[in-house]
Amino acid sequence: MQYSREVEEMFCVAKGAKHDPAPIPEEGKWVKAKEIKDISGLTHGVGWCAPQQGGCKLTLNIKEGIIQEALLETIGCSGMTHSAAMAAEILPGKTILEALNSDLVCDAINTAMRELFLQIVYGRSQSAFSENGLPVGAGLEDLGKGLRSQIGTMYGTLQKGPRYLEMAEGYVLGIGLDENGEIIGYKFVSLGKMMDAIKKGVDPKEAYEKNIGTYGRFAEAATVLDPRKQ
């Protein structure tokens, strides 16, 4: 350790106050975090790239400072999907400090990691008050049974109005309009359930038809539109 001449010549004054870090909630305990290994918790965050072309939702499950589980969900940019594939290999096993300073290939993923780091080290995790936290694998619960991201894709113009393209229930096949031309419901196919059935040997046509559902007052619609063609 090097000291400047001015410091070397200073009189030594004893440091009397002992001021520990404030305790933060972690997995049902109050922890005074002094080192990276003191940090545990599961949390989510979002990030965006510089041109704001796409976004990433990142979920991390951290135990004693080490990332045990990572879920990456991206939208808006085709290249981000490949970046997420690499980041899913990079993140597990790293400390959160290492991960913060790792190149996660995509700006949006790097930004999401920064936002998660801030949350987790300040005790703002989703599992802050859950005793022993959440088991590794809990990140998949966000995806539901079909292990598909919850996506909402809507489009609208002043001239032609709104179009529902993708809902949490699935891929929208048709939107139902009443006599006034207002949307009162929609028909969808659950792609995750359909693909699960096809993988089990169900005929694709049958799997498609069995996984179609409706929402709202679709049965009362005066007009049904294909939102991608009409």
C-alpha atoms as a PDB file:
ATOM      1  CA  MET A   1       0.000   0.000   0.000  1.00  0.00           C
ATOM      2  CA  GLN A   2       1.403   3.364  -0.992  1.00  0.00           C
ATOM      3  CA  TYR A   3       0.578   6.592   0.848  1.00  0.00           C
ATOM      4  CA  SER A   4       1.166  10.157  -0.218  1.00  0.00           C
ATOM      5  CA  ARG A   5       3.627  12.279   1.721  1.00  0.00           C
ATOM      6  CA  GLU A   6       0.736  14.336   3.121  1.00  0.00           C
ATOM      7  CA  VAL A   7      -0.946  11.262   4.574  1.00  0.00           C
ATOM      8  CA  GLU A   8       2.346   9.886   5.927  1.00  0.00           C
ATOM      9  CA  GLU A   9       2.846  13.105   7.896  1.00  0.00           C
ATOM     10  CA  MET A  10      -0.661  13.177   9.353  1.00  0.00           C
ATOM     11  CA  PHE A  11      -1.314  12.544  13.064  1.00  0.00           C
ATOM     12  CA  CYS A  12      -3.102   9.217  13.639  1.00  0.00           C
ATOM     13  CA  VAL A  13      -6.647   9.570  15.025  1.00  0.00           C
ATOM     14  CA  ALA A  14      -8.427   6.486  16.357  1.00  0.00           C
ATOM     15  CA  LYS A  15     -11.581   5.356  14.538  1.00  0.00           C
ATOM     16  CA  GLY A  16     -14.134   4.986  17.292  1.00  0.00           C
ATOM     17  CA  ALA A  17     -17.421   4.396  15.522  1.00  0.00           C
ATOM     18  CA  LYS A  18     -18.327   0.868  14.451  1.00  0.00           C
ATOM     19  CA  HIS A  19     -21.059   1.143  11.830  1.00  0.00           C
ATOM     20  CA  ASP A  20     -22.021  -2.205  10.299  1.00  0.00           C
ATOM     21  CA  PRO A  21     -23.996  -2.484   7.072  1.00  0.00           C
ATOM     22  CA  ALA A  22     -27.759  -2.373   7.492  1.00  0.00           C
ATOM     23  CA  PRO A  23     -29.303  -5.867   7.604  1.00  0.00           C
ATOM     24  CA  ILE A  24     -31.190  -6.900   4.465  1.00  0.00           C
ATOM     25  CA  PRO A  25     -33.882  -9.612   4.151  1.00  0.00           C
ATOM     26  CA  GLU A  26     -32.630 -12.811   2.545  1.00  0.00           C
ATOM     27  CA  GLU A  27     -34.549 -16.065   2.391  1.00  0.00           C
ATOM     28  CA  GLY A  28     -36.360 -15.484   5.688  1.00  0.00           C
ATOM     29  CA  LYS A  29     -33.325 -14.096   7.549  1.00  0.00           C
ATOM     30  CA  TRP A  30     -31.840 -10.668   8.220  1.00  0.00           C
ATOM     31  CA  VAL A  31     -28.277 -10.609   6.893  1.00  0.00           C
ATOM     32  CA  LYS A  32     -25.502  -8.039   7.236  1.00  0.00           C
ATOM     33  CA  ALA A  33     -23.927  -8.570   3.829  1.00  0.00           C
ATOM     34  CA  LYS A  34     -20.173  -7.937   3.827  1.00  0.00           C
ATOM     35  CA  GLU A  35     -19.023 -10.352   1.125  1.00  0.00           C
ATOM     36  CA  ILE A  36     -20.499 -11.762  -2.077  1.00  0.00           C
ATOM     37  CA  LYS A  37     -21.029 -15.145  -0.386  1.00  0.00           C
ATOM     38  CA  ASP A  38     -23.456 -13.452   2.004  1.00  0.00           C
ATOM     39  CA  ILE A  39     -25.976 -12.918  -0.818  1.00  0.00           C
ATOM     40  CA  SER A  40     -28.799 -15.376  -1.556  1.00  0.00           C
ATOM     41  CA  GLY A  41     -32.179 -15.072  -3.230  1.00  0.00           C
ATOM     42  CA  LEU A  42     -34.277 -15.493  -6.365  1.00  0.00           C
ATOM     43  CA  THR A  43     -35.289 -12.431  -8.338  1.00  0.00           C
ATOM     44  CA  HIS A  44     -36.274 -11.115 -11.760  1.00  0.00           C
ATOM     45  CA  GLY A  45     -35.299  -8.052 -13.763  1.00  0.00           C
ATOM     46  CA  VAL A  46     -35.479  -6.615 -17.252  1.00  0.00           C
ATOM     47  CA  GLY A  47     -32.865  -5.050 -19.514  1.00  0.00           C
ATOM     48  CA  TRP A  48     -32.770  -3.278 -22.859  1.00  0.00           C
ATOM     49  CA  CYS A  49     -30.153  -2.644 -25.521  1.00  0.00           C
ATOM     50  CA  ALA A  50     -28.771   0.774 -26.531  1.00  0.00           C
ATOM     51  CA  PRO A  51     -31.036   1.188 -29.596  1.00  0.00           C
ATOM     52  CA  GLN A  52     -33.915  -0.251 -27.495  1.00  0.00           C
ATOM     53  CA  GLN A  53     -34.686  -2.688 -30.262  1.00  0.00           C
ATOM     54  CA  GLY A  54     -35.224  -5.580 -27.874  1.00  0.00           C
ATOM     55  CA  GLY A  55     -35.580  -6.516 -24.223  1.00  0.00           C
ATOM     56  CA  CYS A  56     -34.586  -9.327 -21.897  1.00  0.00           C
ATOM     57  CA  LYS A  57     -36.226 -10.647 -18.753  1.00  0.00           C
ATOM     58  CA  LEU A  58     -33.663 -12.402 -16.575  1.00  0.00           C
ATOM     59  CA  THR A  59     -34.412 -14.623 -13.571  1.00  0.00           C
ATOM     60  CA  LEU A  60     -31.590 -15.731 -11.268  1.00  0.00           C
ATOM     61  CA  ASN A  61     -31.588 -18.077  -8.282  1.00  0.00           C
ATOM     62  CA  ILE A  62     -28.537 -17.300  -6.139  1.00  0.00           C
ATOM     63  CA  LYS A  63     -27.257 -19.342  -3.212  1.00  0.00           C
ATOM     64  CA  GLU A  64     -24.357 -18.003  -1.114  1.00  0.00           C
ATOM     65  CA  GLY A  65     -23.333 -15.609  -3.850  1.00  0.00           C
ATOM     66  CA  ILE A  66     -23.238 -18.198  -6.650  1.00  0.00           C
ATOM     67  CA  ILE A  67     -25.782 -18.335  -9.479  1.00  0.00           C
ATOM     68  CA  GLN A  68     -27.406 -21.769  -9.426  1.00  0.00           C
ATOM     69  CA  GLU A  69     -30.153 -21.150 -11.979  1.00  0.00           C
ATOM     70  CA  ALA A  70     -30.769 -18.693 -14.815  1.00  0.00           C
ATOM     71  CA  LEU A  71     -33.835 -18.156 -16.992  1.00  0.00           C
ATOM     72  CA  LEU A  72     -33.516 -15.824 -19.977  1.00  0.00           C
ATOM     73  CA  GLU A  73     -36.499 -14.613 -21.984  1.00  0.00           C
ATOM     74  CA  THR A  74     -35.920 -12.244 -24.900  1.00  0.00           C
ATOM     75  CA  ILE A  75     -38.173 -10.346 -27.258  1.00  0.00           C
ATOM     76  CA  GLY A  76     -37.871  -7.990 -30.217  1.00  0.00           C
ATOM     77  CA  CYS A  77     -34.512  -8.995 -31.704  1.00  0.00           C
ATOM     78  CA  SER A  78     -33.568 -12.212 -33.486  1.00  0.00           C
ATOM     79  CA  GLY A  79     -29.911 -12.016 -32.449  1.00  0.00           C
ATOM     80  CA  MET A  80     -30.850 -11.863 -28.782  1.00  0.00           C
ATOM     81  CA  THR A  81     -32.068 -15.452 -28.846  1.00  0.00           C
ATOM     82  CA  HIS A  82     -28.565 -16.682 -29.697  1.00  0.00           C
ATOM     83  CA  SER A  83     -27.045 -14.351 -27.111  1.00  0.00           C
ATOM     84  CA  ALA A  84     -29.412 -15.778 -24.507  1.00  0.00           C
ATOM     85  CA  ALA A  85     -28.344 -19.309 -25.463  1.00  0.00           C
ATOM     86  CA  MET A  86     -24.734 -18.400 -24.698  1.00  0.00           C
ATOM     87  CA  ALA A  87     -25.637 -16.509 -21.509  1.00  0.00           C
ATOM     88  CA  ALA A  88     -27.539 -19.554 -20.212  1.00  0.00           C
ATOM     89  CA  GLU A  89     -24.207 -21.413 -20.297  1.00  0.00           C
ATOM     90  CA  ILE A  90     -22.152 -18.509 -18.969  1.00  0.00           C
ATOM     91  CA  LEU A  91     -24.182 -17.522 -15.897  1.00  0.00           C
ATOM     92  CA  PRO A  92     -24.617 -20.662 -13.727  1.00  0.00           C
ATOM     93  CA  GLY A  93     -21.629 -21.215 -11.467  1.00  0.00           C
ATOM     94  CA  LYS A  94     -20.481 -17.599 -11.460  1.00  0.00           C
ATOM     95  CA  THR A  95     -20.670 -15.322  -8.457  1.00  0.00           C
ATOM     96  CA  ILE A  96     -22.978 -12.371  -8.991  1.00  0.00           C
ATOM     97  CA  LEU A  97     -19.924 -10.090  -9.070  1.00  0.00           C
ATOM     98  CA  GLU A  98     -18.319 -12.195 -11.808  1.00  0.00           C
ATOM     99  CA  ALA A  99     -21.599 -12.236 -13.727  1.00  0.00           C
ATOM    100  CA  LEU A 100     -21.923  -8.457 -13.449  1.00  0.00           C
ATOM    101  CA  ASN A 101     -18.525  -8.108 -15.106  1.00  0.00           C
ATOM    102  CA  SER A 102     -18.976 -10.864 -17.701  1.00  0.00           C
ATOM    103  CA  ASP A 103     -19.756 -10.191 -21.340  1.00  0.00           C
ATOM    104  CA  LEU A 104     -23.223 -11.715 -21.676  1.00  0.00           C
ATOM    105  CA  VAL A 105     -23.055 -11.123 -25.441  1.00  0.00           C
ATOM    106  CA  CYS A 106     -26.087  -8.814 -25.679  1.00  0.00           C
ATOM    107  CA  ASP A 107     -26.534  -5.314 -24.218  1.00  0.00           C
ATOM    108  CA  ALA A 108     -30.063  -6.132 -23.070  1.00  0.00           C
ATOM    109  CA  ILE A 109     -28.860  -9.177 -21.114  1.00  0.00           C
ATOM    110  CA  ASN A 110     -25.964  -7.212 -19.626  1.00  0.00           C
ATOM    111  CA  THR A 111     -28.379  -4.477 -18.564  1.00  0.00           C
ATOM    112  CA  ALA A 112     -30.739  -7.033 -17.032  1.00  0.00           C
ATOM    113  CA  MET A 113     -27.809  -8.468 -15.071  1.00  0.00           C
ATOM    114  CA  ARG A 114     -26.968  -4.988 -13.779  1.00  0.00           C
ATOM    115  CA  GLU A 115     -30.553  -4.407 -12.647  1.00  0.00           C
ATOM    116  CA  LEU A 116     -30.693  -7.794 -10.912  1.00  0.00           C
ATOM    117  CA  PHE A 117     -27.390  -7.167  -9.166  1.00  0.00           C
ATOM    118  CA  LEU A 118     -28.757  -3.942  -7.702  1.00  0.00           C
ATOM    119  CA  GLN A 119     -31.934  -5.647  -6.521  1.00  0.00           C
ATOM    120  CA  ILE A 120     -30.266  -8.673  -4.992  1.00  0.00           C
ATOM    121  CA  VAL A 121     -27.500  -6.849  -3.088  1.00  0.00           C
ATOM    122  CA  TYR A 122     -30.040  -4.416  -1.637  1.00  0.00           C
ATOM    123  CA  GLY A 123     -32.292  -7.245  -0.425  1.00  0.00           C
ATOM    124  CA  ARG A 124     -35.059  -6.704  -2.987  1.00  0.00           C
ATOM    125  CA  SER A 125     -35.344 -10.346  -4.053  1.00  0.00           C
ATOM    126  CA  GLN A 126     -38.618 -12.159  -4.668  1.00  0.00           C
ATOM    127  CA  SER A 127     -37.668 -14.698  -1.993  1.00  0.00           C
ATOM    128  CA  ALA A 128     -36.579 -12.177   0.654  1.00  0.00           C
ATOM    129  CA  PHE A 129     -39.081 -13.433   3.211  1.00  0.00           C
ATOM    130  CA  SER A 130     -39.275 -17.091   2.119  1.00  0.00           C
ATOM    131  CA  GLU A 131     -37.517 -19.325   4.631  1.00  0.00           C
ATOM    132  CA  ASN A 132     -34.610 -21.119   2.911  1.00  0.00           C
ATOM    133  CA  GLY A 133     -35.529 -19.358  -0.320  1.00  0.00           C
ATOM    134  CA  LEU A 134     -36.774 -21.176  -3.403  1.00  0.00           C
ATOM    135  CA  PRO A 135     -35.387 -24.483  -4.744  1.00  0.00           C
ATOM    136  CA  VAL A 136     -33.331 -24.594  -7.902  1.00  0.00           C
ATOM    137  CA  GLY A 137     -35.899 -25.114 -10.641  1.00  0.00           C
ATOM    138  CA  ALA A 138     -38.306 -22.499  -9.311  1.00  0.00           C
ATOM    139  CA  GLY A 139     -37.410 -20.228 -12.238  1.00  0.00           C
ATOM    140  CA  LEU A 140     -39.300 -22.514 -14.600  1.00  0.00           C
ATOM    141  CA  GLU A 141     -42.565 -21.798 -12.769  1.00  0.00           C
ATOM    142  CA  ASP A 142     -42.820 -18.504 -14.667  1.00  0.00           C
ATOM    143  CA  LEU A 143     -43.215 -20.469 -17.881  1.00  0.00           C
ATOM    144  CA  GLY A 144     -46.144 -22.671 -16.879  1.00  0.00           C
ATOM    145  CA  LYS A 145     -46.747 -26.289 -17.886  1.00  0.00           C
ATOM    146  CA  GLY A 146     -45.836 -25.848 -21.545  1.00  0.00           C
ATOM    147  CA  LEU A 147     -42.512 -24.158 -20.657  1.00  0.00           C
ATOM    148  CA  ARG A 148     -43.326 -21.175 -22.879  1.00  0.00           C
ATOM    149  CA  SER A 149     -42.796 -17.515 -22.063  1.00  0.00           C
ATOM    150  CA  GLN A 150     -45.877 -15.437 -21.319  1.00  0.00           C
ATOM    151  CA  ILE A 151     -46.053 -13.281 -24.447  1.00  0.00           C
ATOM    152  CA  GLY A 152     -48.504 -10.563 -25.371  1.00  0.00           C
ATOM    153  CA  THR A 153     -48.296  -9.258 -28.936  1.00  0.00           C
ATOM    154  CA  MET A 154     -50.763  -6.597 -30.006  1.00  0.00           C
ATOM    155  CA  TYR A 155     -50.836  -4.255 -32.979  1.00  0.00           C
ATOM    156  CA  GLY A 156     -53.031  -1.281 -33.738  1.00  0.00           C
ATOM    157  CA  THR A 157     -53.415   1.559 -36.230  1.00  0.00           C
ATOM    158  CA  LEU A 158     -55.553   4.666 -36.138  1.00  0.00           C
ATOM    159  CA  GLN A 159     -57.125   3.757 -39.466  1.00  0.00           C
ATOM    160  CA  LYS A 160     -57.861   0.069 -38.866  1.00  0.00           C
ATOM    161  CA  GLY A 161     -57.865  -0.361 -35.071  1.00  0.00           C
ATOM    162  CA  PRO A 162     -56.363  -3.076 -32.839  1.00  0.00           C
ATOM    163  CA  ARG A 163     -55.250  -6.631 -33.637  1.00  0.00           C
ATOM    164  CA  TYR A 164     -54.591  -9.291 -30.989  1.00  0.00           C
ATOM    165  CA  LEU A 165     -51.797 -11.592 -32.210  1.00  0.00           C
ATOM    166  CA  GLU A 166     -50.568 -13.493 -29.158  1.00  0.00           C
ATOM    167  CA  MET A 167     -52.002 -13.798 -25.664  1.00  0.00           C
ATOM    168  CA  ALA A 168     -50.955 -15.675 -22.533  1.00  0.00           C
ATOM    169  CA  GLU A 169     -53.346 -18.446 -23.626  1.00  0.00           C
ATOM    170  CA  GLY A 170     -51.607 -18.830 -26.972  1.00  0.00           C
ATOM    171  CA  TYR A 171     -51.486 -17.896 -30.653  1.00  0.00           C
ATOM    172  CA  VAL A 172     -54.585 -15.925 -31.612  1.00  0.00           C
ATOM    173  CA  LEU A 173     -56.481 -17.487 -34.517  1.00  0.00           C
ATOM    174  CA  GLY A 174     -59.374 -15.060 -34.685  1.00  0.00           C
ATOM    175  CA  ILE A 175     -60.781 -11.976 -32.986  1.00  0.00           C
ATOM    176  CA  GLY A 176     -64.521 -11.704 -32.493  1.00  0.00           C
ATOM    177  CA  LEU A 177     -66.319  -8.414 -33.140  1.00  0.00           C
ATOM    178  CA  ASP A 178     -69.821  -7.366 -32.109  1.00  0.00           C
ATOM    179  CA  GLU A 179     -72.301  -5.453 -34.276  1.00  0.00           C
ATOM    180  CA  ASN A 180     -70.406  -2.220 -33.540  1.00  0.00           C
ATOM    181  CA  GLY A 181     -67.114  -3.691 -34.724  1.00  0.00           C
ATOM    182  CA  GLU A 182     -65.649  -3.808 -31.201  1.00  0.00           C
ATOM    183  CA  ILE A 183     -63.605  -6.790 -29.976  1.00  0.00           C
ATOM    184  CA  ILE A 184     -65.562  -8.973 -27.544  1.00  0.00           C
ATOM    185  CA  GLY A 185     -63.370 -12.094 -27.501  1.00  0.00           C
ATOM    186  CA  TYR A 186     -60.841 -14.184 -29.354  1.00  0.00           C
ATOM    187  CA  LYS A 187     -60.047 -17.750 -30.406  1.00  0.00           C
ATOM    188  CA  PHE A 188     -56.576 -19.172 -29.766  1.00  0.00           C
ATOM    189  CA  VAL A 189     -54.505 -22.329 -30.008  1.00  0.00           C
ATOM    190  CA  SER A 190     -52.224 -23.282 -27.137  1.00  0.00           C
ATOM    191  CA  LEU A 191     -48.992 -24.015 -29.013  1.00  0.00           C
ATOM    192  CA  GLY A 192     -47.188 -25.540 -26.034  1.00  0.00           C
ATOM    193  CA  LYS A 193     -49.945 -28.071 -25.338  1.00  0.00           C
ATOM    194  CA  MET A 194     -50.336 -28.779 -29.057  1.00  0.00           C
ATOM    195  CA  MET A 195     -46.645 -29.540 -29.489  1.00  0.00           C
ATOM    196  CA  ASP A 196     -46.608 -31.726 -26.370  1.00  0.00           C
ATOM    197  CA  ALA A 197     -49.436 -33.776 -27.864  1.00  0.00           C
ATOM    198  CA  ILE A 198     -47.703 -34.086 -31.250  1.00  0.00           C
ATOM    199  CA  LYS A 199     -44.510 -35.269 -29.538  1.00  0.00           C
ATOM    200  CA  LYS A 200     -46.550 -37.990 -27.839  1.00  0.00           C
ATOM    201  CA  GLY A 201     -47.741 -39.256 -31.224  1.00  0.00           C
ATOM    202  CA  VAL A 202     -51.089 -37.496 -31.593  1.00  0.00           C
ATOM    203  CA  ASP A 203     -51.937 -36.612 -35.189  1.00  0.00           C
ATOM    204  CA  PRO A 204     -51.021 -32.942 -35.761  1.00  0.00           C
ATOM    205  CA  LYS A 205     -54.504 -32.029 -37.021  1.00  0.00           C
ATOM    206  CA  GLU A 206     -56.139 -33.649 -34.016  1.00  0.00           C
ATOM    207  CA  ALA A 207     -53.626 -32.029 -31.633  1.00  0.00           C
ATOM    208  CA  TYR A 208     -54.355 -28.649 -33.201  1.00  0.00           C
ATOM    209  CA  GLU A 209     -58.128 -28.986 -32.934  1.00  0.00           C
ATOM    210  CA  LYS A 210     -58.054 -30.289 -29.347  1.00  0.00           C
ATOM    211  CA  ASN A 211     -56.014 -27.336 -28.115  1.00  0.00           C
ATOM    212  CA  ILE A 212     -58.176 -24.551 -29.530  1.00  0.00           C
ATOM    213  CA  GLY A 213     -60.017 -22.416 -26.998  1.00  0.00           C
ATOM    214  CA  THR A 214     -61.898 -19.135 -26.786  1.00  0.00           C
ATOM    215  CA  TYR A 215     -61.946 -16.199 -24.423  1.00  0.00           C
ATOM    216  CA  GLY A 216     -64.590 -13.615 -23.665  1.00  0.00           C
ATOM    217  CA  ARG A 217     -67.867 -13.559 -25.635  1.00  0.00           C
ATOM    218  CA  PHE A 218     -66.325 -15.008 -28.775  1.00  0.00           C
ATOM    219  CA  ALA A 219     -69.359 -17.273 -29.352  1.00  0.00           C
ATOM    220  CA  GLU A 220     -71.558 -14.166 -29.671  1.00  0.00           C
ATOM    221  CA  ALA A 221     -69.357 -12.484 -32.294  1.00  0.00           C
ATOM    222  CA  ALA A 222     -71.115 -11.023 -35.307  1.00  0.00           C
ATOM    223  CA  THR A 223     -67.846 -11.050 -37.265  1.00  0.00           C
ATOM    224  CA  VAL A 224     -64.623 -13.055 -36.854  1.00  0.00           C
ATOM    225  CA  LEU A 225     -61.344 -11.763 -38.301  1.00  0.00           C
ATOM    226  CA  ASP A 226     -57.970 -13.421 -38.817  1.00  0.00           C
ATOM    227  CA  PRO A 227     -55.796 -10.730 -37.188  1.00  0.00           C
ATOM    228  CA  ARG A 228     -52.816 -11.579 -39.389  1.00  0.00           C
ATOM    229  CA  LYS A 229     -54.635 -11.342 -42.726  1.00  0.00           C
ATOM    230  CA  GLN A 230     -57.654  -9.118 -42.215  1.00  0.00           C
END
